[in-house]
PDB file of N, CA and C in Angstrom:
ATOM      1  N   MET A   1      95.453 107.258 -47.058  1.00  0.00           N
ATOM      2  CA  MET A   1      95.795 107.165 -48.452  1.00  0.00           C
ATOM      3  C   MET A   1      95.547 105.733 -48.926  1.00  0.00           C
ATOM      4  N   THR A   2      95.009 105.617 -50.109  1.00  0.00           N
ATOM      5  CA  THR A   2      94.723 104.317 -50.693  1.00  0.00           C
ATOM      6  C   THR A   2      95.997 103.690 -51.233  1.00  0.00           C
ATOM      7  N   ALA A   3      96.197 102.419 -50.944  1.00  0.00           N
ATOM      8  CA  ALA A   3      97.374 101.707 -51.447  1.00  0.00           C
ATOM      9  C   ALA A   3      97.187 101.365 -52.922  1.00  0.00           C
ATOM     10  N   PRO A   4      98.249 101.491 -53.730  1.00  0.00           N
ATOM     11  CA  PRO A   4      98.157 101.141 -55.149  1.00  0.00           C
ATOM     12  C   PRO A   4      97.878  99.657 -55.339  1.00  0.00           C
ATOM     13  N   VAL A   5      97.079  99.355 -56.341  1.00  0.00           N
ATOM     14  CA  VAL A   5      96.732  97.970 -56.638  1.00  0.00           C
ATOM     15  C   VAL A   5      97.294  97.540 -57.994  1.00  0.00           C
ATOM     16  N   ASN A   6      97.145  98.370 -58.992  1.00  0.00           N
ATOM     17  CA  ASN A   6      97.529  98.009 -60.364  1.00  0.00           C
ATOM     18  C   ASN A   6      98.827  98.687 -60.763  1.00  0.00           C
ATOM     19  N   TRP A   7      99.943  98.019 -60.505  1.00  0.00           N
ATOM     20  CA  TRP A   7     101.246  98.545 -60.876  1.00  0.00           C
ATOM     21  C   TRP A   7     101.487  98.257 -62.353  1.00  0.00           C
ATOM     22  N   GLN A   8     102.041  99.241 -63.081  1.00  0.00           N
ATOM     23  CA  GLN A   8     102.366  99.072 -64.497  1.00  0.00           C
ATOM     24  C   GLN A   8     103.873  99.138 -64.661  1.00  0.00           C
ATOM     25  N   LYS A   9     104.407  98.213 -65.438  1.00  0.00           N
ATOM     26  CA  LYS A   9     105.841  98.127 -65.680  1.00  0.00           C
ATOM     27  C   LYS A   9     106.235  99.086 -66.800  1.00  0.00           C
ATOM     28  N   SER A  10     107.404  99.661 -66.682  1.00  0.00           N
ATOM     29  CA  SER A  10     107.933 100.541 -67.719  1.00  0.00           C
ATOM     30  C   SER A  10     108.049  99.802 -69.046  1.00  0.00           C
ATOM     31  N   SER A  11     107.779 100.508 -70.124  1.00  0.00           N
ATOM     32  CA  SER A  11     107.906  99.898 -71.449  1.00  0.00           C
ATOM     33  C   SER A  11     109.367  99.671 -71.825  1.00  0.00           C
ATOM     34  N   PHE A  12     110.311 100.269 -71.080  1.00  0.00           N
ATOM     35  CA  PHE A  12     111.733 100.101 -71.352  1.00  0.00           C
ATOM     36  C   PHE A  12     112.313  98.862 -70.686  1.00  0.00           C
ATOM     37  N   SER A  13     111.562  98.218 -69.811  1.00  0.00           N
ATOM     38  CA  SER A  13     112.090  97.045 -69.121  1.00  0.00           C
ATOM     39  C   SER A  13     111.852  95.797 -69.955  1.00  0.00           C
ATOM     40  N   GLY A  14     112.717  94.827 -69.773  1.00  0.00           N
ATOM     41  CA  GLY A  14     112.578  93.572 -70.503  1.00  0.00           C
ATOM     42  C   GLY A  14     111.444  92.738 -69.946  1.00  0.00           C
ATOM     43  N   GLY A  15     111.030  91.760 -70.670  1.00  0.00           N
ATOM     44  CA  GLY A  15     109.917  90.929 -70.248  1.00  0.00           C
ATOM     45  C   GLY A  15     110.308  89.710 -69.434  1.00  0.00           C
ATOM     46  N   GLY A  16     111.606  89.443 -69.324  1.00  0.00           N
ATOM     47  CA  GLY A  16     112.054  88.237 -68.646  1.00  0.00           C
ATOM     48  C   GLY A  16     112.151  88.390 -67.142  1.00  0.00           C
ATOM     49  N   GLU A  17     112.354  87.274 -66.482  1.00  0.00           N
ATOM     50  CA  GLU A  17     112.548  87.273 -65.030  1.00  0.00           C
ATOM     51  C   GLU A  17     113.869  87.941 -64.683  1.00  0.00           C
ATOM     52  N   GLY A  18     113.900  88.642 -63.567  1.00  0.00           N
ATOM     53  CA  GLY A  18     115.124  89.260 -63.101  1.00  0.00           C
ATOM     54  C   GLY A  18     115.427  90.607 -63.721  1.00  0.00           C
ATOM     55  N   ASN A  19     114.554  91.104 -64.574  1.00  0.00           N
ATOM     56  CA  ASN A  19     114.760  92.419 -65.165  1.00  0.00           C
ATOM     57  C   ASN A  19     114.217  93.482 -64.229  1.00  0.00           C
ATOM     58  N   ASP A  20     115.112  94.266 -63.636  1.00  0.00           N
ATOM     59  CA  ASP A  20     114.687  95.339 -62.756  1.00  0.00           C
ATOM     60  C   ASP A  20     114.075  96.454 -63.592  1.00  0.00           C
ATOM     61  N   CYS A  21     113.053  97.084 -63.058  1.00  0.00           N
ATOM     62  CA  CYS A  21     112.398  98.127 -63.822  1.00  0.00           C
ATOM     63  C   CYS A  21     111.674  99.089 -62.893  1.00  0.00           C
ATOM     64  N   LEU A  22     111.246 100.164 -63.467  1.00  0.00           N
ATOM     65  CA  LEU A  22     110.429 101.136 -62.767  1.00  0.00           C
ATOM     66  C   LEU A  22     108.968 100.777 -62.992  1.00  0.00           C
ATOM     67  N   GLU A  23     108.193 100.811 -61.920  1.00  0.00           N
ATOM     68  CA  GLU A  23     106.756 100.549 -62.019  1.00  0.00           C
ATOM     69  C   GLU A  23     106.026 101.759 -61.451  1.00  0.00           C
ATOM     70  N   LEU A  24     104.839 102.033 -61.975  1.00  0.00           N
ATOM     71  CA  LEU A  24     104.037 103.109 -61.419  1.00  0.00           C
ATOM     72  C   LEU A  24     102.583 102.708 -61.335  1.00  0.00           C
ATOM     73  N   ALA A  25     101.890 103.392 -60.427  1.00  0.00           N
ATOM     74  CA  ALA A  25     100.462 103.141 -60.215  1.00  0.00           C
ATOM     75  C   ALA A  25      99.816 104.452 -59.800  1.00  0.00           C
ATOM     76  N   ALA A  26      98.575 104.629 -60.189  1.00  0.00           N
ATOM     77  CA  ALA A  26      97.824 105.819 -59.806  1.00  0.00           C
ATOM     78  C   ALA A  26      96.754 105.436 -58.802  1.00  0.00           C
ATOM     79  N   THR A  27      96.564 106.299 -57.822  1.00  0.00           N
ATOM     80  CA  THR A  27      95.442 106.150 -56.884  1.00  0.00           C
ATOM     81  C   THR A  27      94.680 107.462 -56.943  1.00  0.00           C
ATOM     82  N   GLY A  28      93.564 107.435 -57.610  1.00  0.00           N
ATOM     83  CA  GLY A  28      92.809 108.666 -57.824  1.00  0.00           C
ATOM     84  C   GLY A  28      93.461 109.490 -58.923  1.00  0.00           C
ATOM     85  N   ALA A  29      93.005 110.740 -59.050  1.00  0.00           N
ATOM     86  CA  ALA A  29      93.511 111.610 -60.107  1.00  0.00           C
ATOM     87  C   ALA A  29      94.721 112.413 -59.671  1.00  0.00           C
ATOM     88  N   HIS A  30      95.074 112.366 -58.389  1.00  0.00           N
ATOM     89  CA  HIS A  30      96.102 113.272 -57.895  1.00  0.00           C
ATOM     90  C   HIS A  30      97.312 112.599 -57.268  1.00  0.00           C
ATOM     91  N   SER A  31      97.401 111.288 -57.283  1.00  0.00           N
ATOM     92  CA  SER A  31      98.537 110.595 -56.682  1.00  0.00           C
ATOM     93  C   SER A  31      99.105 109.553 -57.629  1.00  0.00           C
ATOM     94  N   ILE A  32     100.424 109.642 -57.830  1.00  0.00           N
ATOM     95  CA  ILE A  32     101.139 108.665 -58.638  1.00  0.00           C
ATOM     96  C   ILE A  32     102.230 108.066 -57.763  1.00  0.00           C
ATOM     97  N   HIS A  33     102.314 106.753 -57.754  1.00  0.00           N
ATOM     98  CA  HIS A  33     103.294 106.038 -56.936  1.00  0.00           C
ATOM     99  C   HIS A  33     104.333 105.420 -57.852  1.00  0.00           C
ATOM    100  N   LEU A  34     105.597 105.504 -57.455  1.00  0.00           N
ATOM    101  CA  LEU A  34     106.703 104.939 -58.221  1.00  0.00           C
ATOM    102  C   LEU A  34     107.468 103.972 -57.332  1.00  0.00           C
ATOM    103  N   ARG A  35     107.923 102.866 -57.911  1.00  0.00           N
ATOM    104  CA  ARG A  35     108.740 101.908 -57.170  1.00  0.00           C
ATOM    105  C   ARG A  35     109.662 101.186 -58.140  1.00  0.00           C
ATOM    106  N   GLU A  36     110.709 100.595 -57.605  1.00  0.00           N
ATOM    107  CA  GLU A  36     111.585  99.727 -58.378  1.00  0.00           C
ATOM    108  C   GLU A  36     111.110  98.299 -58.160  1.00  0.00           C
ATOM    109  N   SER A  37     111.165  97.495 -59.204  1.00  0.00           N
ATOM    110  CA  SER A  37     110.658  96.129 -59.090  1.00  0.00           C
ATOM    111  C   SER A  37     111.470  95.281 -58.113  1.00  0.00           C
ATOM    112  N   ASP A  38     112.760  95.630 -57.921  1.00  0.00           N
ATOM    113  CA  ASP A  38     113.562  94.827 -57.003  1.00  0.00           C
ATOM    114  C   ASP A  38     113.329  95.186 -55.533  1.00  0.00           C
ATOM    115  N   THR A  39     112.628  96.298 -55.251  1.00  0.00           N
ATOM    116  CA  THR A  39     112.245  96.664 -53.877  1.00  0.00           C
ATOM    117  C   THR A  39     110.786  97.122 -53.881  1.00  0.00           C
ATOM    118  N   PRO A  40     109.852  96.218 -54.114  1.00  0.00           N
ATOM    119  CA  PRO A  40     108.450  96.613 -54.297  1.00  0.00           C
ATOM    120  C   PRO A  40     107.759  97.171 -53.060  1.00  0.00           C
ATOM    121  N   THR A  41     108.309  96.957 -51.881  1.00  0.00           N
ATOM    122  CA  THR A  41     107.645  97.492 -50.691  1.00  0.00           C
ATOM    123  C   THR A  41     108.015  98.947 -50.425  1.00  0.00           C
ATOM    124  N   THR A  42     109.006  99.468 -51.135  1.00  0.00           N
ATOM    125  CA  THR A  42     109.412 100.860 -50.985  1.00  0.00           C
ATOM    126  C   THR A  42     108.963 101.633 -52.214  1.00  0.00           C
ATOM    127  N   HIS A  43     108.187 102.700 -51.996  1.00  0.00           N
ATOM    128  CA  HIS A  43     107.769 103.518 -53.129  1.00  0.00           C
ATOM    129  C   HIS A  43     107.655 104.978 -52.703  1.00  0.00           C
ATOM    130  N   ILE A  44     107.654 105.857 -53.706  1.00  0.00           N
ATOM    131  CA  ILE A  44     107.457 107.277 -53.460  1.00  0.00           C
ATOM    132  C   ILE A  44     106.144 107.695 -54.103  1.00  0.00           C
ATOM    133  N   THR A  45     105.569 108.758 -53.576  1.00  0.00           N
ATOM    134  CA  THR A  45     104.300 109.262 -54.086  1.00  0.00           C
ATOM    135  C   THR A  45     104.476 110.705 -54.533  1.00  0.00           C
ATOM    136  N   THR A  46     103.923 111.035 -55.666  1.00  0.00           N
ATOM    137  CA  THR A  46     103.972 112.387 -56.197  1.00  0.00           C
ATOM    138  C   THR A  46     102.655 112.694 -56.892  1.00  0.00           C
ATOM    139  N   ALA A  47     102.557 113.884 -57.432  1.00  0.00           N
ATOM    140  CA  ALA A  47     101.377 114.303 -58.205  1.00  0.00           C
ATOM    141  C   ALA A  47     101.762 114.332 -59.681  1.00  0.00           C
ATOM    142  N   PRO A  48     100.782 114.341 -60.575  1.00  0.00           N
ATOM    143  CA  PRO A  48     101.086 114.313 -62.009  1.00  0.00           C
ATOM    144  C   PRO A  48     101.950 115.479 -62.499  1.00  0.00           C
ATOM    145  N   VAL A  49     101.695 116.693 -62.041  1.00  0.00           N
ATOM    146  CA  VAL A  49     102.443 117.850 -62.551  1.00  0.00           C
ATOM    147  C   VAL A  49     103.924 117.797 -62.170  1.00  0.00           C
ATOM    148  N   PRO A  50     104.295 117.559 -60.908  1.00  0.00           N
ATOM    149  CA  PRO A  50     105.720 117.456 -60.600  1.00  0.00           C
ATOM    150  C   PRO A  50     106.412 116.308 -61.353  1.00  0.00           C
ATOM    151  N   LEU A  51     105.724 115.194 -61.533  1.00  0.00           N
ATOM    152  CA  LEU A  51     106.304 114.080 -62.282  1.00  0.00           C
ATOM    153  C   LEU A  51     106.517 114.480 -63.741  1.00  0.00           C
ATOM    154  N   ALA A  52     105.571 115.191 -64.327  1.00  0.00           N
ATOM    155  CA  ALA A  52     105.720 115.656 -65.708  1.00  0.00           C
ATOM    156  C   ALA A  52     106.905 116.601 -65.839  1.00  0.00           C
ATOM    157  N   HIS A  53     107.105 117.479 -64.851  1.00  0.00           N
ATOM    158  CA  HIS A  53     108.253 118.392 -64.872  1.00  0.00           C
ATOM    159  C   HIS A  53     109.569 117.621 -64.772  1.00  0.00           C
ATOM    160  N   LEU A  54     109.615 116.601 -63.912  1.00  0.00           N
ATOM    161  CA  LEU A  54     110.813 115.778 -63.787  1.00  0.00           C
ATOM    162  C   LEU A  54     111.123 115.076 -65.099  1.00  0.00           C
ATOM    163  N   LEU A  55     110.136 114.464 -65.706  1.00  0.00           N
ATOM    164  CA  LEU A  55     110.347 113.756 -66.968  1.00  0.00           C
ATOM    165  C   LEU A  55     110.796 114.710 -68.066  1.00  0.00           C
ATOM    166  N   HIS A  56     110.215 115.898 -68.100  1.00  0.00           N
ATOM    167  CA  HIS A  56     110.623 116.893 -69.086  1.00  0.00           C
ATOM    168  C   HIS A  56     112.087 117.290 -68.869  1.00  0.00           C
ATOM    169  N   GLY A  57     112.470 117.486 -67.606  1.00  0.00           N
ATOM    170  CA  GLY A  57     113.857 117.831 -67.299  1.00  0.00           C
ATOM    171  C   GLY A  57     114.825 116.734 -67.677  1.00  0.00           C
ATOM    172  N   ILE A  58     114.420 115.499 -67.470  1.00  0.00           N
ATOM    173  CA  ILE A  58     115.267 114.368 -67.841  1.00  0.00           C
ATOM    174  C   ILE A  58     115.437 114.309 -69.350  1.00  0.00           C
ATOM    175  N   LYS A  59     114.358 114.531 -70.085  1.00  0.00           N
ATOM    176  CA  LYS A  59     114.401 114.392 -71.539  1.00  0.00           C
ATOM    177  C   LYS A  59     115.084 115.569 -72.232  1.00  0.00           C
ATOM    178  N   SER A  60     114.939 116.776 -71.700  1.00  0.00           N
ATOM    179  CA  SER A  60     115.418 117.928 -72.466  1.00  0.00           C
ATOM    180  C   SER A  60     116.247 118.943 -71.701  1.00  0.00           C
ATOM    181  N   GLY A  61     116.296 118.830 -70.388  1.00  0.00           N
ATOM    182  CA  GLY A  61     116.975 119.847 -69.609  1.00  0.00           C
ATOM    183  C   GLY A  61     118.334 119.415 -69.119  1.00  0.00           C
ATOM    184  N   PRO A  62     118.751 119.979 -68.001  1.00  0.00           N
ATOM    185  CA  PRO A  62     120.079 119.679 -67.466  1.00  0.00           C
ATOM    186  C   PRO A  62     120.266 118.216 -67.055  1.00  0.00           C
ATOM    187  N   LEU A  63     119.179 117.482 -66.915  1.00  0.00           N
ATOM    188  CA  LEU A  63     119.288 116.067 -66.563  1.00  0.00           C
ATOM    189  C   LEU A  63     119.360 115.158 -67.785  1.00  0.00           C
ATOM    190  N   ALA A  64     119.259 115.739 -68.969  1.00  0.00           N
ATOM    191  CA  ALA A  64     119.283 114.950 -70.204  1.00  0.00           C
ATOM    192  C   ALA A  64     120.669 114.336 -70.412  1.00  0.00           C
ATOM    193  N   THR A  65     120.718 113.213 -71.111  1.00  0.00           N
ATOM    194  CA  THR A  65     121.978 112.553 -71.427  1.00  0.00           C
ATOM    195  C   THR A  65     122.794 113.454 -72.359  1.00  0.00           C
ATOM    196  N   PRO A  66     124.045 113.732 -72.013  1.00  0.00           N
ATOM    197  CA  PRO A  66     124.872 114.589 -72.870  1.00  0.00           C
ATOM    198  C   PRO A  66     125.110 113.939 -74.233  1.00  0.00           C
ATOM    199  N   THR A  67     125.127 114.744 -75.257  1.00  0.00           N
ATOM    200  CA  THR A  67     125.434 114.236 -76.601  1.00  0.00           C
ATOM    201  C   THR A  67     126.917 114.480 -76.864  1.00  0.00           C
ATOM    202  N   THR A  68     127.525 113.545 -77.546  1.00  0.00           N
ATOM    203  CA  THR A  68     128.959 113.682 -77.856  1.00  0.00           C
ATOM    204  C   THR A  68     129.214 113.669 -79.329  1.00  0.00           C
TER     205      THR A  68
END
C-alpha cells in the first residue's frame, strides 16, 4: 500500500499552532486515510463509500447531535 503524502487539514480546525484536527489523504481512487494531528503516525484507512456513509450518519442519523 502506498503511504499518504499530501495530508489535508479539516476546514473546522483552527489555523494556529496546537490546534488538534482531523487530517485526511487519498492514495489512489479507492483508499482514504484519516489521522489526528496530535498522533500523526497513527491512521486508519477506508474507502470513499464507507466514509460517505459514516459522514451521512453523523450529519443526519443516530449519530447526529441531538437538538434541544
